[in-house]
Amino acid sequence: MSNASRFWWLPLALLLSACQQAPVAPTDFTRADQIQRWEMSGKLGYRTADDGGSASFDWQQAPRYGEIRFSGPLGFGSAELTWQPGMARLETSQGEWQARTPGELAWHLTGFWLPVSALEYWSRGLVWPGAPAQSEENDDGRLSQLSQLGWDLEFDRYETVGRVALPHRIKARQGADSFTLLIREWQPLPSQP
């Protein structure tokens, strides 16, 4: 059999792949709410009345699935928090826990309820639609202050990624508890076709 006859299917495969709808590229986003999938990395610092700490993180997010890998001095060495609708799991060197939401499990890491579901929105500079909120915008129309779920948040640093300005530092306080999310790298991902 000749090489030409062995690969008869190749032109057909190329034609079919060209006919598929191209996914949206990260540079095509013009608003933060268009970003549904992303990767980001940075540092999470937190403080409670009795404790405090920090950790580096790598976060991958899709519309129905999330994963955050923590490393550093959280007392666990490293930890992985994953979730999907109705189920979340935290794995550390000290054990494994499961709950309905990732926020319930984040307590094992920080000692307070960290609203991970809301952070999916806050990290993009958006108000979480799941609870009432009071917000203020800066002169550029970007979220600068937010009170939601008992947290008072300050968005004081944005950087442009592609064509969208995204937060790179968020400070949050709730009574004696506080955290700072410092995002070093933001990578919006193409939407699925």
N, C-alpha and C. Protein backbone atom coordinates (compact mmCIF):
# COMPACT_ATOMS: atom_id res chain seq x y z
N MET A 1 0.85 -1.19 0.00
CA MET A 1 0.00 0.00 0.00
C MET A 1 0.89 1.24 0.00
N SER A 2 0.59 2.20 -0.88
CA SER A 2 1.40 3.40 -0.96
C SER A 2 1.08 4.34 0.20
N ASN A 3 2.03 5.27 0.45
CA ASN A 3 1.82 6.26 1.52
C ASN A 3 0.58 7.11 1.25
N ALA A 4 0.35 7.44 -0.01
CA ALA A 4 -0.80 8.28 -0.36
C ALA A 4 -2.11 7.58 -0.01
N SER A 5 -2.20 6.29 -0.27
CA SER A 5 -3.45 5.60 0.02
C SER A 5 -3.61 5.31 1.52
N ARG A 6 -2.52 5.25 2.27
CA ARG A 6 -2.61 5.03 3.71
C ARG A 6 -3.20 6.21 4.45
N PHE A 7 -3.01 7.39 3.92
CA PHE A 7 -3.47 8.61 4.60
C PHE A 7 -4.60 9.30 3.83
N TRP A 8 -5.48 8.53 3.23
CA TRP A 8 -6.61 9.07 2.46
C TRP A 8 -7.51 9.95 3.32
N TRP A 9 -7.55 9.69 4.62
CA TRP A 9 -8.46 10.38 5.53
C TRP A 9 -7.95 11.75 5.96
N LEU A 10 -6.65 12.04 5.76
CA LEU A 10 -6.07 13.28 6.26
C LEU A 10 -6.73 14.54 5.69
N PRO A 11 -6.95 14.66 4.36
CA PRO A 11 -7.63 15.88 3.86
C PRO A 11 -9.04 16.03 4.45
N LEU A 12 -9.75 14.92 4.65
CA LEU A 12 -11.09 14.99 5.23
C LEU A 12 -11.04 15.49 6.67
N ALA A 13 -10.07 15.00 7.45
CA ALA A 13 -9.93 15.44 8.84
C ALA A 13 -9.61 16.92 8.91
N LEU A 14 -8.73 17.39 8.02
CA LEU A 14 -8.39 18.82 8.01
C LEU A 14 -9.60 19.66 7.62
N LEU A 15 -10.37 19.22 6.66
CA LEU A 15 -11.56 19.94 6.25
C LEU A 15 -12.58 20.01 7.38
N LEU A 16 -12.81 18.89 8.06
CA LEU A 16 -13.77 18.88 9.17
C LEU A 16 -13.33 19.76 10.31
N SER A 17 -12.03 19.77 10.63
CA SER A 17 -11.57 20.61 11.73
C SER A 17 -11.68 22.08 11.37
N ALA A 18 -11.53 22.43 10.11
CA ALA A 18 -11.66 23.82 9.68
C ALA A 18 -13.10 24.29 9.74
N CYS A 19 -14.05 23.36 9.61
CA CYS A 19 -15.47 23.72 9.62
C CYS A 19 -16.01 23.92 11.03
N GLN A 20 -15.30 23.45 12.05
CA GLN A 20 -15.80 23.61 13.41
C GLN A 20 -15.72 25.07 13.82
N GLN A 21 -16.62 25.46 14.70
CA GLN A 21 -16.63 26.84 15.19
C GLN A 21 -15.40 27.07 16.07
N ALA A 22 -14.67 28.14 15.79
CA ALA A 22 -13.46 28.43 16.56
C ALA A 22 -13.85 28.93 17.95
N PRO A 23 -13.13 28.49 18.99
CA PRO A 23 -13.42 29.00 20.34
C PRO A 23 -13.03 30.46 20.45
N VAL A 24 -13.60 31.12 21.45
CA VAL A 24 -13.27 32.52 21.69
C VAL A 24 -11.87 32.58 22.29
N ALA A 25 -11.03 33.43 21.75
CA ALA A 25 -9.68 33.60 22.27
C ALA A 25 -9.70 34.54 23.48
N PRO A 26 -8.74 34.40 24.39
CA PRO A 26 -8.71 35.28 25.56
C PRO A 26 -8.67 36.75 25.20
N THR A 27 -8.07 37.11 24.06
CA THR A 27 -8.00 38.52 23.67
C THR A 27 -9.33 39.04 23.15
N ASP A 28 -10.31 38.15 22.92
CA ASP A 28 -11.62 38.58 22.45
C ASP A 28 -12.52 39.06 23.58
N PHE A 29 -12.16 38.79 24.84
CA PHE A 29 -13.00 39.24 25.95
C PHE A 29 -12.89 40.75 26.11
N THR A 30 -14.03 41.40 26.27
CA THR A 30 -14.04 42.83 26.50
C THR A 30 -14.61 43.18 27.87
N ARG A 31 -15.21 42.19 28.56
CA ARG A 31 -15.77 42.39 29.91
C ARG A 31 -15.39 41.19 30.77
N ALA A 32 -15.21 41.44 32.06
CA ALA A 32 -14.81 40.38 32.98
C ALA A 32 -15.86 39.28 33.08
N ASP A 33 -17.15 39.62 32.94
CA ASP A 33 -18.19 38.59 33.08
C ASP A 33 -18.22 37.62 31.90
N GLN A 34 -17.50 37.92 30.83
CA GLN A 34 -17.39 36.99 29.70
C GLN A 34 -16.40 35.86 29.99
N ILE A 35 -15.52 36.07 30.95
CA ILE A 35 -14.50 35.08 31.28
C ILE A 35 -15.12 34.02 32.18
N GLN A 36 -15.27 32.82 31.66
CA GLN A 36 -15.86 31.72 32.42
C GLN A 36 -14.84 30.64 32.77
N ARG A 37 -13.71 30.64 32.09
CA ARG A 37 -12.63 29.68 32.37
C ARG A 37 -11.35 30.47 32.52
N TRP A 38 -10.54 30.09 33.53
CA TRP A 38 -9.28 30.79 33.71
C TRP A 38 -8.31 29.96 34.53
N GLU A 39 -7.07 30.42 34.49
CA GLU A 39 -6.02 29.97 35.39
C GLU A 39 -5.43 31.22 36.00
N MET A 40 -5.15 31.16 37.29
CA MET A 40 -4.46 32.27 37.92
C MET A 40 -3.57 31.74 39.03
N SER A 41 -2.57 32.53 39.34
CA SER A 41 -1.69 32.15 40.43
C SER A 41 -1.36 33.39 41.23
N GLY A 42 -1.02 33.17 42.48
CA GLY A 42 -0.69 34.29 43.34
C GLY A 42 -0.46 33.85 44.76
N LYS A 43 -0.84 34.73 45.69
CA LYS A 43 -0.61 34.47 47.10
C LYS A 43 -1.85 34.87 47.89
N LEU A 44 -2.20 34.05 48.86
CA LEU A 44 -3.30 34.33 49.77
C LEU A 44 -2.71 34.51 51.16
N GLY A 45 -2.94 35.67 51.75
CA GLY A 45 -2.54 35.93 53.13
C GLY A 45 -3.80 36.09 53.95
N TYR A 46 -3.80 35.58 55.18
CA TYR A 46 -4.98 35.69 56.03
C TYR A 46 -4.59 35.93 57.47
N ARG A 47 -5.53 36.49 58.24
CA ARG A 47 -5.32 36.74 59.65
C ARG A 47 -6.64 36.57 60.37
N THR A 48 -6.60 35.89 61.50
CA THR A 48 -7.75 35.79 62.41
C THR A 48 -7.33 36.38 63.74
N ALA A 49 -8.23 36.38 64.73
CA ALA A 49 -7.88 36.89 66.05
C ALA A 49 -6.77 36.06 66.69
N ASP A 50 -6.68 34.77 66.34
CA ASP A 50 -5.73 33.86 66.97
C ASP A 50 -4.61 33.38 66.07
N ASP A 51 -4.69 33.62 64.78
CA ASP A 51 -3.76 32.96 63.87
C ASP A 51 -3.58 33.81 62.62
N GLY A 52 -2.68 33.38 61.78
CA GLY A 52 -2.46 34.03 60.50
C GLY A 52 -1.53 33.17 59.68
N GLY A 53 -1.47 33.45 58.41
CA GLY A 53 -0.59 32.68 57.55
C GLY A 53 -0.71 33.13 56.12
N SER A 54 0.01 32.44 55.26
CA SER A 54 -0.05 32.75 53.84
C SER A 54 0.30 31.50 53.05
N ALA A 55 -0.07 31.51 51.81
CA ALA A 55 0.23 30.39 50.93
C ALA A 55 0.20 30.87 49.49
N SER A 56 1.01 30.26 48.67
CA SER A 56 0.91 30.47 47.23
C SER A 56 -0.23 29.60 46.72
N PHE A 57 -0.86 30.03 45.63
CA PHE A 57 -1.96 29.23 45.07
C PHE A 57 -1.90 29.23 43.56
N ASP A 58 -2.44 28.16 42.99
CA ASP A 58 -2.70 28.03 41.56
C ASP A 58 -4.16 27.64 41.44
N TRP A 59 -4.94 28.44 40.73
CA TRP A 59 -6.38 28.26 40.63
C TRP A 59 -6.75 27.99 39.18
N GLN A 60 -7.50 26.92 38.95
CA GLN A 60 -8.08 26.63 37.64
C GLN A 60 -9.59 26.62 37.79
N GLN A 61 -10.27 27.33 36.91
CA GLN A 61 -11.72 27.46 37.02
C GLN A 61 -12.39 27.20 35.68
N ALA A 62 -13.46 26.44 35.70
CA ALA A 62 -14.35 26.24 34.57
C ALA A 62 -15.77 26.52 35.09
N PRO A 63 -16.77 26.63 34.21
CA PRO A 63 -18.10 26.99 34.69
C PRO A 63 -18.67 26.09 35.79
N ARG A 64 -18.39 24.80 35.78
CA ARG A 64 -18.99 23.92 36.79
C ARG A 64 -17.95 23.18 37.62
N TYR A 65 -16.69 23.62 37.55
CA TYR A 65 -15.63 22.90 38.23
C TYR A 65 -14.54 23.89 38.63
N GLY A 66 -13.96 23.69 39.80
CA GLY A 66 -12.86 24.53 40.24
C GLY A 66 -11.82 23.72 40.99
N GLU A 67 -10.60 24.21 40.95
CA GLU A 67 -9.50 23.55 41.67
C GLU A 67 -8.50 24.62 42.10
N ILE A 68 -8.15 24.61 43.39
CA ILE A 68 -7.10 25.49 43.90
C ILE A 68 -6.07 24.62 44.60
N ARG A 69 -4.82 24.77 44.17
CA ARG A 69 -3.70 24.08 44.83
C ARG A 69 -2.95 25.12 45.66
N PHE A 70 -2.82 24.84 46.95
CA PHE A 70 -2.11 25.73 47.86
C PHE A 70 -0.77 25.10 48.21
N SER A 71 0.24 25.94 48.34
CA SER A 71 1.53 25.46 48.83
C SER A 71 2.13 26.56 49.70
N GLY A 72 2.82 26.15 50.74
CA GLY A 72 3.44 27.11 51.62
C GLY A 72 3.04 26.90 53.06
N PRO A 73 3.34 27.86 53.90
CA PRO A 73 3.17 27.69 55.35
C PRO A 73 1.73 27.84 55.84
N LEU A 74 0.85 26.98 55.37
CA LEU A 74 -0.52 26.96 55.89
C LEU A 74 -0.66 25.98 57.06
N GLY A 75 0.41 25.32 57.40
CA GLY A 75 0.33 24.29 58.43
C GLY A 75 0.10 22.91 57.83
N PHE A 76 -0.14 22.85 56.53
CA PHE A 76 -0.38 21.57 55.86
C PHE A 76 0.75 21.22 54.89
N GLY A 77 1.60 22.17 54.58
CA GLY A 77 2.61 21.95 53.55
C GLY A 77 2.03 22.23 52.18
N SER A 78 1.02 21.46 51.80
CA SER A 78 0.31 21.71 50.55
C SER A 78 -1.12 21.20 50.72
N ALA A 79 -1.99 21.71 49.90
CA ALA A 79 -3.40 21.31 49.96
C ALA A 79 -4.02 21.49 48.59
N GLU A 80 -5.04 20.68 48.32
CA GLU A 80 -5.77 20.79 47.06
C GLU A 80 -7.26 20.83 47.36
N LEU A 81 -7.90 21.89 46.92
CA LEU A 81 -9.34 22.07 47.10
C LEU A 81 -9.99 21.97 45.73
N THR A 82 -10.91 21.01 45.56
CA THR A 82 -11.61 20.85 44.28
C THR A 82 -13.11 20.86 44.54
N TRP A 83 -13.87 21.29 43.56
CA TRP A 83 -15.31 21.32 43.72
C TRP A 83 -16.03 21.25 42.37
N GLN A 84 -17.25 20.78 42.47
CA GLN A 84 -18.21 20.75 41.37
C GLN A 84 -19.58 20.90 42.03
N PRO A 85 -20.65 21.06 41.28
CA PRO A 85 -21.96 21.29 41.91
C PRO A 85 -22.31 20.22 42.95
N GLY A 86 -22.57 20.66 44.18
CA GLY A 86 -23.03 19.77 45.25
C GLY A 86 -21.96 18.98 45.95
N MET A 87 -20.67 19.14 45.55
CA MET A 87 -19.62 18.37 46.19
C MET A 87 -18.28 19.10 46.14
N ALA A 88 -17.59 19.10 47.28
CA ALA A 88 -16.25 19.69 47.35
C ALA A 88 -15.35 18.76 48.15
N ARG A 89 -14.05 18.79 47.84
CA ARG A 89 -13.11 17.92 48.54
C ARG A 89 -11.83 18.70 48.82
N LEU A 90 -11.30 18.52 50.01
CA LEU A 90 -10.02 19.10 50.41
C LEU A 90 -9.08 17.96 50.78
N GLU A 91 -7.92 17.93 50.15
CA GLU A 91 -6.90 16.93 50.46
C GLU A 91 -5.65 17.64 50.96
N THR A 92 -5.15 17.21 52.12
CA THR A 92 -3.90 17.73 52.68
C THR A 92 -3.07 16.56 53.16
N SER A 93 -1.87 16.86 53.64
CA SER A 93 -1.03 15.81 54.20
C SER A 93 -1.61 15.26 55.51
N GLN A 94 -2.56 16.00 56.10
CA GLN A 94 -3.15 15.58 57.37
C GLN A 94 -4.50 14.89 57.21
N GLY A 95 -4.99 14.79 55.98
CA GLY A 95 -6.25 14.09 55.79
C GLY A 95 -7.04 14.61 54.61
N GLU A 96 -8.25 14.08 54.51
CA GLU A 96 -9.15 14.46 53.42
C GLU A 96 -10.52 14.75 54.02
N TRP A 97 -11.15 15.82 53.53
CA TRP A 97 -12.48 16.21 53.99
C TRP A 97 -13.38 16.43 52.78
N GLN A 98 -14.67 16.20 52.97
CA GLN A 98 -15.65 16.46 51.92
C GLN A 98 -16.79 17.28 52.49
N ALA A 99 -17.39 18.10 51.66
CA ALA A 99 -18.54 18.93 52.05
C ALA A 99 -19.31 19.27 50.79
N ARG A 100 -20.41 19.99 50.98
CA ARG A 100 -21.23 20.38 49.82
C ARG A 100 -20.63 21.56 49.06
N THR A 101 -19.91 22.45 49.77
CA THR A 101 -19.35 23.64 49.13
C THR A 101 -17.88 23.81 49.48
N PRO A 102 -17.11 24.47 48.61
CA PRO A 102 -15.70 24.68 48.92
C PRO A 102 -15.49 25.62 50.10
N GLY A 103 -16.42 26.56 50.33
CA GLY A 103 -16.28 27.48 51.46
C GLY A 103 -16.27 26.76 52.80
N GLU A 104 -17.05 25.70 52.92
CA GLU A 104 -17.07 24.93 54.16
C GLU A 104 -15.71 24.31 54.44
N LEU A 105 -15.02 23.89 53.40
CA LEU A 105 -13.73 23.22 53.56
C LEU A 105 -12.58 24.20 53.75
N ALA A 106 -12.71 25.41 53.22
CA ALA A 106 -11.64 26.39 53.37
C ALA A 106 -11.39 26.73 54.83
N TRP A 107 -12.38 26.49 55.68
CA TRP A 107 -12.21 26.72 57.11
C TRP A 107 -11.05 25.90 57.66
N HIS A 108 -10.84 24.68 57.14
CA HIS A 108 -9.74 23.83 57.60
C HIS A 108 -8.38 24.47 57.29
N LEU A 109 -8.33 25.32 56.28
CA LEU A 109 -7.08 25.95 55.89
C LEU A 109 -6.81 27.25 56.64
N THR A 110 -7.86 28.03 56.87
CA THR A 110 -7.68 29.39 57.39
C THR A 110 -8.24 29.61 58.79
N GLY A 111 -9.19 28.78 59.22
CA GLY A 111 -9.83 29.00 60.51
C GLY A 111 -11.05 29.89 60.42
N PHE A 112 -11.42 30.31 59.22
CA PHE A 112 -12.67 31.05 59.03
C PHE A 112 -13.31 30.64 57.71
N TRP A 113 -14.58 31.00 57.55
CA TRP A 113 -15.31 30.65 56.36
C TRP A 113 -14.89 31.57 55.22
N LEU A 114 -14.14 31.02 54.28
CA LEU A 114 -13.68 31.76 53.11
C LEU A 114 -14.67 31.50 51.98
N PRO A 115 -15.38 32.52 51.52
CA PRO A 115 -16.46 32.30 50.53
C PRO A 115 -15.91 32.05 49.12
N VAL A 116 -15.48 30.82 48.87
CA VAL A 116 -14.83 30.48 47.61
C VAL A 116 -15.77 30.72 46.42
N SER A 117 -17.05 30.38 46.58
CA SER A 117 -18.00 30.59 45.47
C SER A 117 -18.11 32.06 45.11
N ALA A 118 -18.10 32.94 46.11
CA ALA A 118 -18.13 34.37 45.84
C ALA A 118 -16.79 34.84 45.27
N LEU A 119 -15.69 34.23 45.72
CA LEU A 119 -14.37 34.61 45.20
C LEU A 119 -14.26 34.35 43.70
N GLU A 120 -15.03 33.40 43.18
CA GLU A 120 -15.04 33.18 41.73
C GLU A 120 -15.45 34.46 41.01
N TYR A 121 -16.31 35.25 41.62
CA TYR A 121 -16.75 36.52 41.04
C TYR A 121 -15.85 37.67 41.48
N TRP A 122 -15.57 37.74 42.78
CA TRP A 122 -14.75 38.84 43.29
C TRP A 122 -13.40 38.89 42.61
N SER A 123 -12.81 37.72 42.32
CA SER A 123 -11.48 37.70 41.69
C SER A 123 -11.51 38.29 40.29
N ARG A 124 -12.68 38.37 39.67
CA ARG A 124 -12.82 39.01 38.36
C ARG A 124 -13.30 40.45 38.47
N GLY A 125 -13.45 40.94 39.71
CA GLY A 125 -13.93 42.31 39.91
C GLY A 125 -15.42 42.42 39.73
N LEU A 126 -16.15 41.36 40.06
CA LEU A 126 -17.60 41.31 39.90
C LEU A 126 -18.29 41.08 41.24
N VAL A 127 -19.51 41.57 41.36
CA VAL A 127 -20.34 41.30 42.52
C VAL A 127 -20.91 39.88 42.37
N TRP A 128 -20.83 39.09 43.44
CA TRP A 128 -21.42 37.75 43.40
C TRP A 128 -22.93 37.88 43.33
N PRO A 129 -23.61 37.21 42.38
CA PRO A 129 -25.07 37.36 42.25
C PRO A 129 -25.87 36.60 43.30
N GLY A 130 -25.21 35.85 44.19
CA GLY A 130 -25.91 35.01 45.15
C GLY A 130 -26.32 35.67 46.44
N ALA A 131 -26.02 36.97 46.63
CA ALA A 131 -26.36 37.63 47.89
C ALA A 131 -26.43 39.14 47.67
N PRO A 132 -27.22 39.85 48.50
CA PRO A 132 -27.28 41.31 48.39
C PRO A 132 -25.90 41.92 48.59
N ALA A 133 -25.69 43.08 47.99
CA ALA A 133 -24.37 43.72 48.08
C ALA A 133 -24.50 45.22 47.95
N GLN A 134 -23.53 45.92 48.50
CA GLN A 134 -23.37 47.35 48.28
C GLN A 134 -21.99 47.53 47.66
N SER A 135 -21.93 48.28 46.56
CA SER A 135 -20.66 48.41 45.87
C SER A 135 -20.43 49.84 45.40
N GLU A 136 -19.16 50.14 45.19
CA GLU A 136 -18.74 51.43 44.62
C GLU A 136 -17.77 51.15 43.50
N GLU A 137 -17.78 52.02 42.50
CA GLU A 137 -16.86 51.89 41.37
C GLU A 137 -15.92 53.09 41.36
N ASN A 138 -14.73 52.89 40.78
CA ASN A 138 -13.79 54.01 40.64
C ASN A 138 -14.12 54.80 39.38
N ASP A 139 -13.30 55.79 39.06
CA ASP A 139 -13.56 56.64 37.90
C ASP A 139 -13.53 55.89 36.58
N ASP A 140 -12.87 54.73 36.55
CA ASP A 140 -12.80 53.92 35.34
C ASP A 140 -13.95 52.94 35.23
N GLY A 141 -14.90 52.98 36.18
CA GLY A 141 -16.03 52.07 36.16
C GLY A 141 -15.71 50.68 36.69
N ARG A 142 -14.59 50.55 37.39
CA ARG A 142 -14.19 49.26 37.97
C ARG A 142 -14.60 49.21 39.42
N LEU A 143 -14.92 48.01 39.88
CA LEU A 143 -15.30 47.80 41.27
C LEU A 143 -14.15 48.22 42.17
N SER A 144 -14.42 49.11 43.14
CA SER A 144 -13.37 49.55 44.06
C SER A 144 -13.68 49.16 45.50
N GLN A 145 -14.95 49.18 45.89
CA GLN A 145 -15.37 48.80 47.25
C GLN A 145 -16.59 47.88 47.12
N LEU A 146 -16.66 46.89 48.00
CA LEU A 146 -17.78 45.96 47.97
C LEU A 146 -18.04 45.46 49.38
N SER A 147 -19.30 45.47 49.79
CA SER A 147 -19.73 44.84 51.04
C SER A 147 -20.71 43.75 50.66
N GLN A 148 -20.34 42.51 50.98
CA GLN A 148 -21.17 41.36 50.63
C GLN A 148 -20.83 40.20 51.55
N LEU A 149 -21.85 39.45 51.97
CA LEU A 149 -21.70 38.29 52.84
C LEU A 149 -20.99 38.64 54.14
N GLY A 150 -21.13 39.89 54.58
CA GLY A 150 -20.48 40.32 55.81
C GLY A 150 -19.03 40.73 55.62
N TRP A 151 -18.51 40.64 54.40
CA TRP A 151 -17.14 41.02 54.10
C TRP A 151 -17.11 42.43 53.50
N ASP A 152 -16.13 43.21 53.89
CA ASP A 152 -15.85 44.51 53.27
C ASP A 152 -14.58 44.35 52.45
N LEU A 153 -14.72 44.54 51.13
CA LEU A 153 -13.61 44.30 50.21
C LEU A 153 -13.15 45.59 49.56
N GLU A 154 -11.85 45.65 49.34
CA GLU A 154 -11.25 46.78 48.65
C GLU A 154 -10.46 46.24 47.46
N PHE A 155 -10.76 46.75 46.27
CA PHE A 155 -10.07 46.37 45.04
C PHE A 155 -9.18 47.54 44.66
N ASP A 156 -7.90 47.46 45.00
CA ASP A 156 -7.05 48.64 44.84
C ASP A 156 -5.99 48.51 43.75
N ARG A 157 -5.98 47.39 43.04
CA ARG A 157 -5.00 47.24 41.97
C ARG A 157 -5.60 46.39 40.85
N TYR A 158 -5.67 46.98 39.66
CA TYR A 158 -6.12 46.27 38.46
C TYR A 158 -4.99 46.27 37.45
N GLU A 159 -4.97 45.24 36.62
CA GLU A 159 -4.04 45.21 35.49
C GLU A 159 -4.81 44.70 34.28
N THR A 160 -4.42 45.19 33.11
CA THR A 160 -5.10 44.79 31.88
C THR A 160 -4.54 43.46 31.39
N VAL A 161 -5.45 42.53 31.16
CA VAL A 161 -5.11 41.22 30.62
C VAL A 161 -5.89 41.08 29.31
N GLY A 162 -5.18 41.03 28.20
CA GLY A 162 -5.87 41.08 26.92
C GLY A 162 -6.53 42.44 26.78
N ARG A 163 -7.87 42.46 26.74
CA ARG A 163 -8.61 43.72 26.62
C ARG A 163 -9.48 43.98 27.86
N VAL A 164 -9.20 43.25 28.96
CA VAL A 164 -10.03 43.38 30.16
C VAL A 164 -9.14 43.74 31.35
N ALA A 165 -9.57 44.73 32.14
CA ALA A 165 -8.88 45.06 33.39
C ALA A 165 -9.38 44.11 34.48
N LEU A 166 -8.46 43.38 35.11
CA LEU A 166 -8.81 42.41 36.13
C LEU A 166 -8.09 42.73 37.43
N PRO A 167 -8.72 42.43 38.58
CA PRO A 167 -8.07 42.72 39.87
C PRO A 167 -6.76 41.94 40.02
N HIS A 168 -5.81 42.60 40.65
CA HIS A 168 -4.56 41.94 41.00
C HIS A 168 -4.29 42.02 42.50
N ARG A 169 -5.11 42.78 43.23
CA ARG A 169 -5.04 42.74 44.68
C ARG A 169 -6.43 43.05 45.25
N ILE A 170 -6.87 42.17 46.14
CA ILE A 170 -8.15 42.34 46.82
C ILE A 170 -7.90 42.19 48.31
N LYS A 171 -8.32 43.18 49.08
CA LYS A 171 -8.21 43.11 50.54
C LYS A 171 -9.62 42.96 51.10
N ALA A 172 -9.78 42.06 52.06
CA ALA A 172 -11.11 41.78 52.61
C ALA A 172 -11.04 41.70 54.13
N ARG A 173 -12.10 42.20 54.79
CA ARG A 173 -12.15 42.16 56.25
C ARG A 173 -13.57 41.84 56.69
N GLN A 174 -13.66 40.99 57.72
CA GLN A 174 -14.92 40.67 58.37
C GLN A 174 -14.63 40.51 59.85
N GLY A 175 -14.94 41.55 60.63
CA GLY A 175 -14.61 41.52 62.05
C GLY A 175 -13.12 41.36 62.25
N ALA A 176 -12.71 40.34 63.02
CA ALA A 176 -11.29 40.09 63.29
C ALA A 176 -10.61 39.29 62.19
N ASP A 177 -11.38 38.81 61.22
CA ASP A 177 -10.83 38.01 60.13
C ASP A 177 -10.53 38.88 58.91
N SER A 178 -9.43 38.60 58.27
CA SER A 178 -9.10 39.34 57.04
C SER A 178 -8.29 38.44 56.12
N PHE A 179 -8.34 38.77 54.84
CA PHE A 179 -7.47 38.09 53.88
C PHE A 179 -7.13 39.06 52.76
N THR A 180 -6.00 38.80 52.14
CA THR A 180 -5.56 39.54 50.97
C THR A 180 -5.27 38.54 49.87
N LEU A 181 -5.86 38.78 48.72
CA LEU A 181 -5.62 37.95 47.55
C LEU A 181 -4.75 38.76 46.60
N LEU A 182 -3.52 38.32 46.41
CA LEU A 182 -2.60 38.98 45.51
C LEU A 182 -2.42 38.08 44.29
N ILE A 183 -2.94 38.53 43.15
CA ILE A 183 -2.91 37.73 41.93
C ILE A 183 -1.70 38.16 41.12
N ARG A 184 -0.78 37.24 40.93
CA ARG A 184 0.44 37.55 40.18
C ARG A 184 0.26 37.34 38.69
N GLU A 185 -0.49 36.30 38.34
CA GLU A 185 -0.69 36.00 36.91
C GLU A 185 -2.14 35.60 36.67
N TRP A 186 -2.74 36.24 35.70
CA TRP A 186 -4.12 36.00 35.29
C TRP A 186 -4.09 35.45 33.88
N GLN A 187 -4.74 34.33 33.64
CA GLN A 187 -4.79 33.77 32.28
C GLN A 187 -6.21 33.36 31.93
N PRO A 188 -7.01 34.27 31.34
CA PRO A 188 -8.31 33.84 30.84
C PRO A 188 -8.13 32.78 29.77
N LEU A 189 -9.00 31.80 29.77
CA LEU A 189 -8.91 30.70 28.80
C LEU A 189 -10.04 30.79 27.79
N PRO A 190 -9.81 30.30 26.58
CA PRO A 190 -10.86 30.32 25.57
C PRO A 190 -12.10 29.58 26.05
N SER A 191 -13.25 30.07 25.62
CA SER A 191 -14.48 29.36 25.96
C SER A 191 -14.55 28.08 25.14
N GLN A 192 -15.34 27.13 25.63
CA GLN A 192 -15.51 25.88 24.91
C GLN A 192 -16.47 26.12 23.74
N PRO A 193 -16.22 25.50 22.59
CA PRO A 193 -17.12 25.69 21.45
C PRO A 193 -18.48 25.05 21.72
